Protein backbone atom coordinates (compact mmCIF):
# COMPACT_ATOMS: atom_id res chain seq x y z
CA MET A 1 127.49 -210.32 37.37
CA ARG A 2 131.20 -210.33 37.75
CA PRO A 3 133.38 -207.36 36.86
CA GLU A 4 136.22 -207.99 34.46
CA VAL A 5 139.66 -206.51 34.87
CA SER A 6 139.66 -203.20 33.02
CA PRO A 7 142.48 -202.11 30.75
CA SER A 8 144.90 -199.56 32.09
CA ARG A 9 143.40 -196.12 32.53
CA PRO A 10 144.41 -193.64 29.80
CA ALA A 11 146.66 -190.96 31.20
CA GLY A 12 144.81 -187.86 32.34
CA ARG A 13 141.35 -189.39 31.95
CA GLU A 14 138.87 -190.16 34.69
CA VAL A 15 137.64 -193.76 34.82
CA VAL A 16 133.85 -193.52 34.47
CA GLY A 17 132.95 -197.04 35.55
CA GLU A 18 133.71 -200.76 35.49
CA ILE A 19 133.30 -202.92 32.42
CA LEU A 20 130.88 -205.71 33.36
CA LEU A 21 129.52 -208.65 31.44
CA PHE A 22 126.03 -207.94 30.15
CA SER A 23 122.98 -209.87 31.30
CA ALA A 24 119.44 -209.68 29.95
CA GLY A 25 118.28 -207.96 33.13
CA TRP A 26 120.08 -204.84 31.98
CA ALA A 27 118.31 -204.68 28.63
CA ARG A 28 116.03 -201.78 29.61
CA GLU A 29 118.94 -199.68 30.87
CA VAL A 30 120.95 -200.38 27.73
CA ILE A 31 117.99 -199.40 25.54
CA ASP A 32 117.68 -196.15 27.50
CA LEU A 33 121.41 -195.55 27.01
CA TRP A 34 121.12 -196.27 23.29
CA ASN A 35 118.28 -193.80 22.85
CA ALA A 36 120.12 -191.12 24.82
CA ALA A 37 123.16 -191.57 22.58
CA LEU A 38 121.71 -192.55 19.18
CA GLY A 39 117.95 -192.29 19.43
CA ASP A 40 117.54 -189.28 17.18
CA ALA A 41 118.89 -191.19 14.19
CA PHE A 42 118.54 -194.82 15.27
CA PRO A 43 115.65 -195.17 17.76
CA MET A 44 115.84 -198.47 19.65
CA GLY A 45 112.90 -200.53 20.88
CA ASP A 46 112.69 -203.62 23.06
CA ARG A 47 111.81 -206.04 20.29
CA LEU A 48 114.67 -205.03 17.98
CA PHE A 49 117.24 -204.98 20.78
CA LEU A 50 116.36 -208.46 22.04
CA GLN A 51 116.10 -209.85 18.50
CA ASN A 52 119.61 -208.75 17.58
CA THR A 53 121.24 -209.60 20.91
CA VAL A 54 120.15 -212.36 23.27
CA ARG A 55 117.76 -213.99 20.77
CA ASP A 56 120.35 -214.14 18.01
CA PRO A 57 122.04 -217.58 17.79
CA HIS A 58 125.38 -215.81 17.28
CA PHE A 59 125.11 -213.94 20.57
CA GLU A 60 127.47 -215.06 23.32
CA ALA A 61 127.28 -213.62 26.81
CA ASP A 62 131.07 -213.38 27.06
CA GLY A 63 131.08 -211.06 24.03
CA CYS A 64 128.79 -208.39 25.44
CA TRP A 65 129.58 -205.72 28.02
CA VAL A 66 128.10 -202.76 29.84
CA VAL A 67 129.70 -199.98 31.83
CA ARG A 68 127.89 -198.75 34.93
CA ALA A 69 128.76 -195.39 36.41
CA PRO A 70 130.41 -195.52 39.86
CA ARG A 71 128.41 -196.07 43.03
CA GLY A 72 125.53 -197.90 41.35
CA GLY A 73 124.85 -195.26 38.73
CA GLN A 74 123.26 -195.64 35.34
CA VAL A 75 124.60 -197.72 32.47
CA VAL A 76 126.80 -195.39 30.41
CA GLY A 77 128.43 -197.78 27.94
CA PHE A 78 127.55 -200.85 25.90
CA CYS A 79 129.45 -203.00 23.43
CA LEU A 80 128.59 -206.21 21.58
CA ALA A 81 130.98 -208.44 19.64
CA LYS A 82 130.02 -211.54 17.68
CA THR A 83 131.49 -214.50 15.88
CA ALA A 84 129.53 -216.88 13.68
CA ARG A 85 128.38 -219.71 15.94
CA GLU A 86 126.59 -221.68 13.23
CA PRO A 87 127.39 -221.85 9.50
CA LEU A 88 126.12 -218.95 7.39
CA GLY A 89 125.06 -221.22 4.56
CA ALA A 90 127.86 -221.93 2.11
CA ASP A 91 129.92 -219.14 3.72
CA GLY A 92 130.41 -221.40 6.71
CA LEU A 93 131.66 -220.04 10.02
CA MET A 94 133.79 -217.30 8.42
CA ALA A 95 136.46 -218.17 10.95
CA ASP A 96 138.87 -215.47 9.78
CA ARG A 97 136.69 -212.64 11.11
CA GLY A 98 134.53 -211.40 13.91
CA TRP A 99 132.31 -208.38 14.27
CA VAL A 100 131.99 -205.46 16.63
CA SER A 101 128.24 -205.25 16.29
CA THR A 102 127.79 -201.99 18.14
CA LEU A 103 129.49 -199.66 20.60
CA VAL A 104 127.51 -197.00 22.48
CA VAL A 105 128.72 -194.41 25.00
CA HIS A 106 126.47 -191.97 26.82
CA PRO A 107 126.98 -188.38 25.59
CA ALA A 108 127.72 -187.19 29.13
CA VAL A 109 130.85 -189.34 29.44
CA ARG A 110 132.34 -189.20 25.97
CA ARG A 111 135.99 -188.31 25.36
CA ARG A 112 137.11 -189.98 28.57
CA GLY A 113 138.50 -193.13 26.95
CA LEU A 114 135.48 -195.33 27.60
CA GLY A 115 134.82 -196.07 23.94
CA GLY A 116 138.42 -197.09 23.43
CA ARG A 117 138.31 -199.40 26.45
CA LEU A 118 135.17 -201.11 25.21
CA LEU A 119 136.56 -201.48 21.70
CA ALA A 120 139.76 -202.98 23.08
CA ARG A 121 137.68 -205.46 25.10
CA ALA A 122 135.78 -206.50 21.97
CA GLU A 123 139.01 -206.97 20.02
CA THR A 124 140.50 -209.06 22.82
CA TYR A 125 137.40 -211.25 22.80
CA LEU A 126 137.64 -211.76 19.01
CA ARG A 127 141.36 -212.39 19.14
CA GLY A 128 140.82 -214.98 21.85
CA ARG A 129 138.52 -216.86 19.49
CA GLY A 130 141.14 -216.98 16.79
CA ARG A 131 139.77 -214.19 14.64
CA LYS A 132 142.27 -212.32 12.50
CA ARG A 133 140.04 -209.41 11.55
CA ALA A 134 137.58 -207.21 13.40
CA ILE A 135 134.83 -205.62 11.32
CA PHE A 136 132.42 -203.02 12.61
CA GLY A 137 128.84 -203.95 11.79
CA GLY A 138 127.61 -206.29 9.12
CA ASP A 139 127.28 -209.19 11.58
CA PRO A 140 124.44 -211.72 11.46
CA ALA A 141 121.35 -209.97 12.86
CA HIS A 142 123.23 -206.70 12.52
CA PHE A 143 122.27 -203.26 13.73
CA PHE A 144 124.46 -201.50 11.16
CA PRO A 145 126.08 -202.56 7.86
CA GLY A 146 129.11 -200.45 8.75
CA ILE A 147 130.11 -197.38 10.72
CA PRO A 148 127.34 -194.74 10.58
CA VAL A 149 129.13 -191.89 8.89
CA SER A 150 129.93 -188.87 11.03
CA ASP A 151 133.19 -187.01 11.51
CA ALA A 152 133.43 -188.13 15.14
CA ALA A 153 132.72 -191.81 14.47
CA LEU A 154 135.14 -192.07 11.56
CA ALA A 155 137.87 -190.26 13.49
CA PHE A 156 137.39 -192.58 16.48
CA PHE A 157 137.74 -195.78 14.47
CA ALA A 158 140.63 -194.45 12.40
CA ALA A 159 142.47 -193.49 15.61
CA ASN A 160 141.94 -197.03 16.88
CA GLY A 161 143.54 -198.64 13.84
CA TYR A 162 140.56 -199.33 11.61
CA ARG A 163 140.93 -199.07 7.87
CA LEU A 164 137.97 -197.13 6.49
CA ARG A 165 137.15 -198.02 2.92
CA GLY A 166 133.91 -198.66 1.04
CA ASP A 167 130.50 -197.06 1.45
CA ALA A 168 126.98 -198.41 1.81
CA TYR A 169 123.63 -196.70 2.03
CA ASP A 170 120.07 -197.12 3.17
CA LEU A 171 117.71 -195.56 0.62
CA ARG A 172 114.22 -194.26 1.14
CA ARG A 173 111.22 -192.87 -0.70
CA SER A 174 107.58 -192.06 -0.13
CA LEU A 175 105.16 -194.33 -1.95
CA GLU A 176 102.48 -191.67 -2.17
CA GLY A 177 101.64 -191.20 -5.82
CA TYR A 178 104.00 -193.94 -6.98
CA LEU A 179 103.30 -195.17 -10.51
CA THR A 180 104.86 -198.13 -12.29
CA PRO A 181 107.24 -196.61 -14.88
CA PRO A 182 106.89 -197.47 -18.59
CA GLU A 183 110.22 -199.31 -18.64
CA VAL A 184 108.91 -201.80 -16.08
CA GLU A 185 105.73 -202.32 -18.07
CA ALA A 186 107.85 -202.91 -21.18
CA ALA A 187 110.08 -205.45 -19.42
CA LEU A 188 107.08 -207.41 -18.17
CA ALA A 189 105.40 -207.32 -21.58
CA ALA A 190 108.59 -208.67 -23.16
CA HIS A 191 108.62 -211.65 -20.79
CA PRO A 192 105.06 -213.01 -20.57
CA GLU A 193 106.44 -216.33 -19.29
CA VAL A 194 107.68 -214.59 -16.13
CA GLU A 195 105.40 -214.02 -13.15
CA ILE A 196 106.36 -211.76 -10.24
CA ARG A 197 104.25 -212.11 -7.10
CA PRO A 198 104.34 -212.98 -3.39
CA LEU A 199 105.20 -216.63 -2.94
CA ARG A 200 102.54 -218.95 -1.56
CA SER A 201 102.38 -221.72 1.00
CA GLY A 202 104.08 -224.76 -0.45
CA GLU A 203 106.65 -222.71 -2.41
CA GLU A 204 109.15 -222.46 0.44
CA ARG A 205 111.25 -225.33 -0.89
CA GLY A 206 111.43 -223.78 -4.34
CA ALA A 207 112.67 -220.49 -2.89
CA LEU A 208 115.35 -222.18 -0.81
CA ASP A 209 116.43 -224.39 -3.72
CA PHE A 210 116.88 -221.26 -5.83
CA LEU A 211 119.03 -219.64 -3.16
CA ASP A 212 121.04 -222.86 -2.80
CA GLU A 213 121.82 -222.52 -6.50
CA ALA A 214 122.29 -218.78 -6.94
CA PHE A 215 122.99 -217.25 -3.49
CA PRO A 216 124.05 -220.13 -1.23
CA GLY A 217 125.81 -218.07 1.44
CA ARG A 218 124.42 -215.60 3.91
CA TRP A 219 121.25 -214.81 1.96
CA ARG A 220 120.30 -218.49 1.91
CA TYR A 221 121.07 -218.78 5.61
CA THR A 222 119.08 -215.68 6.53
CA LEU A 223 115.98 -216.60 4.55
CA GLY A 224 116.11 -220.17 5.84
CA ARG A 225 116.27 -218.93 9.41
CA PHE A 226 113.40 -216.50 8.75
CA LEU A 227 111.14 -219.23 7.39
CA SER A 228 112.06 -221.83 10.01
CA GLY A 229 111.27 -219.26 12.71
CA GLY A 230 107.72 -218.80 11.48
CA GLY A 231 108.27 -216.04 8.93
CA ALA A 232 105.61 -215.88 6.22
CA ILE A 233 106.54 -217.08 2.74
CA GLY A 234 104.30 -214.25 1.50
CA ASP A 235 107.02 -211.85 2.66
CA VAL A 236 109.12 -213.14 -0.23
CA ILE A 237 108.33 -211.74 -3.66
CA GLY A 238 109.25 -214.38 -6.21
CA VAL A 239 110.20 -214.23 -9.86
CA LEU A 240 108.77 -217.40 -11.37
CA GLN A 241 109.52 -218.86 -14.79
CA GLY A 242 107.82 -222.08 -15.75
CA GLY A 243 106.67 -222.41 -12.15
CA ALA A 244 110.25 -222.37 -10.82
CA VAL A 245 111.59 -219.60 -8.59
CA ARG A 246 114.27 -217.69 -10.51
CA GLY A 247 114.50 -214.55 -8.41
CA PHE A 248 113.45 -213.20 -5.02
CA ALA A 249 113.10 -210.11 -2.88
CA GLN A 250 112.48 -210.25 0.85
CA ILE A 251 110.14 -207.56 2.10
CA PHE A 252 109.33 -206.32 5.60
CA HIS A 253 106.35 -204.49 7.06
CA ARG A 254 104.61 -203.98 10.38
CA GLY A 255 103.20 -207.51 10.36
CA SER A 256 106.45 -209.30 9.59
CA GLN A 257 107.73 -211.93 12.00
CA TRP A 258 111.20 -210.38 11.86
CA ILE A 259 112.29 -206.75 12.09
CA GLY A 260 114.43 -206.64 8.97
CA PRO A 261 117.29 -204.14 8.72
CA SER A 262 115.29 -202.09 6.23
CA ILE A 263 112.67 -201.26 8.87
CA ALA A 264 114.86 -201.47 11.97
CA TRP A 265 114.83 -197.75 12.71
CA THR A 266 111.12 -197.22 12.04
CA ALA A 267 109.39 -200.49 12.91
CA GLU A 268 108.34 -199.61 16.44
CA SER A 269 107.57 -195.96 15.83
CA SER A 270 105.68 -196.27 12.55
CA THR A 271 102.95 -198.53 11.23
CA SER A 272 103.34 -197.38 7.63
CA THR A 273 107.00 -198.05 6.81
CA GLY A 274 108.09 -201.09 4.85
CA GLY A 275 111.34 -202.26 3.38
CA LEU A 276 113.15 -204.52 0.94
CA GLY A 277 116.37 -206.45 1.03
CA PRO A 278 118.00 -208.63 0.04
CA MET A 279 116.97 -209.36 -3.53
CA GLY A 280 118.57 -211.31 -6.35
CA MET A 281 117.93 -212.75 -9.80
CA ALA A 282 119.10 -215.86 -11.64
CA PRO A 283 122.00 -214.95 -13.97
CA ALA A 284 120.01 -215.95 -17.07
CA LEU A 285 117.32 -213.34 -16.28
CA ARG A 286 119.63 -210.42 -15.52
CA GLY A 287 119.96 -207.45 -17.83
CA ARG A 288 116.36 -207.65 -19.01
CA GLY A 289 114.74 -205.05 -16.78
CA LEU A 290 113.23 -207.71 -14.54
CA GLY A 291 115.21 -206.61 -11.49
CA LEU A 292 113.53 -203.22 -11.65
CA ALA A 293 110.20 -204.98 -12.20
CA LEU A 294 110.84 -207.05 -9.04
CA VAL A 295 111.33 -203.87 -7.01
CA ASP A 296 108.22 -202.35 -8.58
CA ARG A 297 106.08 -205.37 -7.73
CA SER A 298 107.47 -205.32 -4.17
CA ILE A 299 106.44 -201.67 -3.90
CA GLN A 300 102.96 -202.42 -5.19
CA HIS A 301 102.50 -205.30 -2.77
CA LEU A 302 103.70 -203.26 0.20
CA ARG A 303 101.21 -200.56 -0.75
CA THR A 304 98.37 -203.09 -0.45
CA LEU A 305 99.59 -203.66 3.12
CA GLY A 306 99.29 -199.98 3.98
CA VAL A 307 102.94 -199.03 3.52
CA THR A 308 103.49 -195.39 2.57
CA GLU A 309 107.27 -195.09 3.16
CA MET A 310 109.81 -197.64 1.95
CA VAL A 311 113.48 -198.31 2.74
CA ILE A 312 116.10 -200.29 0.82
CA ASP A 313 118.87 -201.28 3.23
CA TRP A 314 122.63 -201.86 2.80
CA THR A 315 123.22 -201.14 -0.86
CA ILE A 316 125.65 -199.36 -3.16
CA LEU A 317 123.21 -199.43 -6.11
CA ILE A 318 122.06 -195.84 -5.80
CA GLY A 319 121.58 -195.44 -9.54
CA PHE A 320 119.56 -198.64 -9.93
CA TYR A 321 117.09 -197.90 -7.15
CA GLY A 322 117.14 -194.22 -8.06
CA ARG A 323 115.31 -195.12 -11.25
CA LEU A 324 112.30 -195.78 -9.04
CA GLY A 325 112.76 -192.64 -6.96
CA PHE A 326 114.81 -193.92 -4.00
CA VAL A 327 117.37 -191.52 -2.58
CA PRO A 328 120.11 -191.94 0.07
CA TRP A 329 118.84 -191.78 3.63
CA ARG A 330 121.66 -193.17 5.79
CA HIS A 331 125.36 -193.52 4.97
CA TYR A 332 127.82 -196.11 6.35
CA ARG A 333 131.49 -196.86 5.84
CA HIS A 334 133.23 -200.22 6.12
CA GLY A 335 135.71 -200.30 8.98
CA GLU A 336 138.11 -203.20 9.46
CA LYS A 337 141.17 -203.89 11.61
CA VAL A 338 143.77 -206.63 11.45
CA LEU A 339 144.04 -208.11 14.95
């Protein structure tokens, strides 16, 4: 592993280590670093880390760095930047932007300029690939949809030139005692031609055709990658009308092939947490209460799989999901910088 030339040392601050290109052999040390820095709120496991880094087709070794303390000490910093390396469905390569997927500094060496050095390295990498904007989080196979909201994190990114605007949330609720509300029963009774259930083997093409029509960008790309990688079609709850898929919700649970963002921070520590997201409905079926019915049927199916806690990831629809008892759990803010 070759060291890269570090940026100039900030005046009055001790350099805490060299910035080195990451290699998979350091994964365990980076996971230990992550859990020391973020583990209380965002516990990291081996499977999730590898899935969202070296096993992600958008990962590039030149866009990932560690910092090792002097004289062969522990890893005290980690940063990952990404650009789209294959088209995200109809959204293409999104060549105007790149992502700072994550930036982690050990608590013992914070406020010494290390975070700023790593962020500058990520921005230089993105700029060198022709990207005009750097966005924190929200990348393909993302850890976070945005900056996890805390005073320190927001102040850091603002001081480094990031515009902070727009919020997103993960929502959560217990499924103990959950009952289908009357409004869902009424919506289903009003549309007897609509069936909402897990999709079955042989219905993969219908699901992808629907996304090609209604959500041809990143959602189509993500579900296509999930299915082509061995993901179960039964982890897609379909809204069917006349046998055709007209809506979908992707669900995740302990048996899922993929650790979806909705279960990322519980998947390896809990066997009873499930999640949902994304979900969408054909325009002609919107406004009829069927979206709420789709969430309800997803809840009921997850309960048959032993799920007792459920998360909805990356949403602003607090009121919509709140009708079924979901409340904010984690809060993020969009951070973007013109390079």
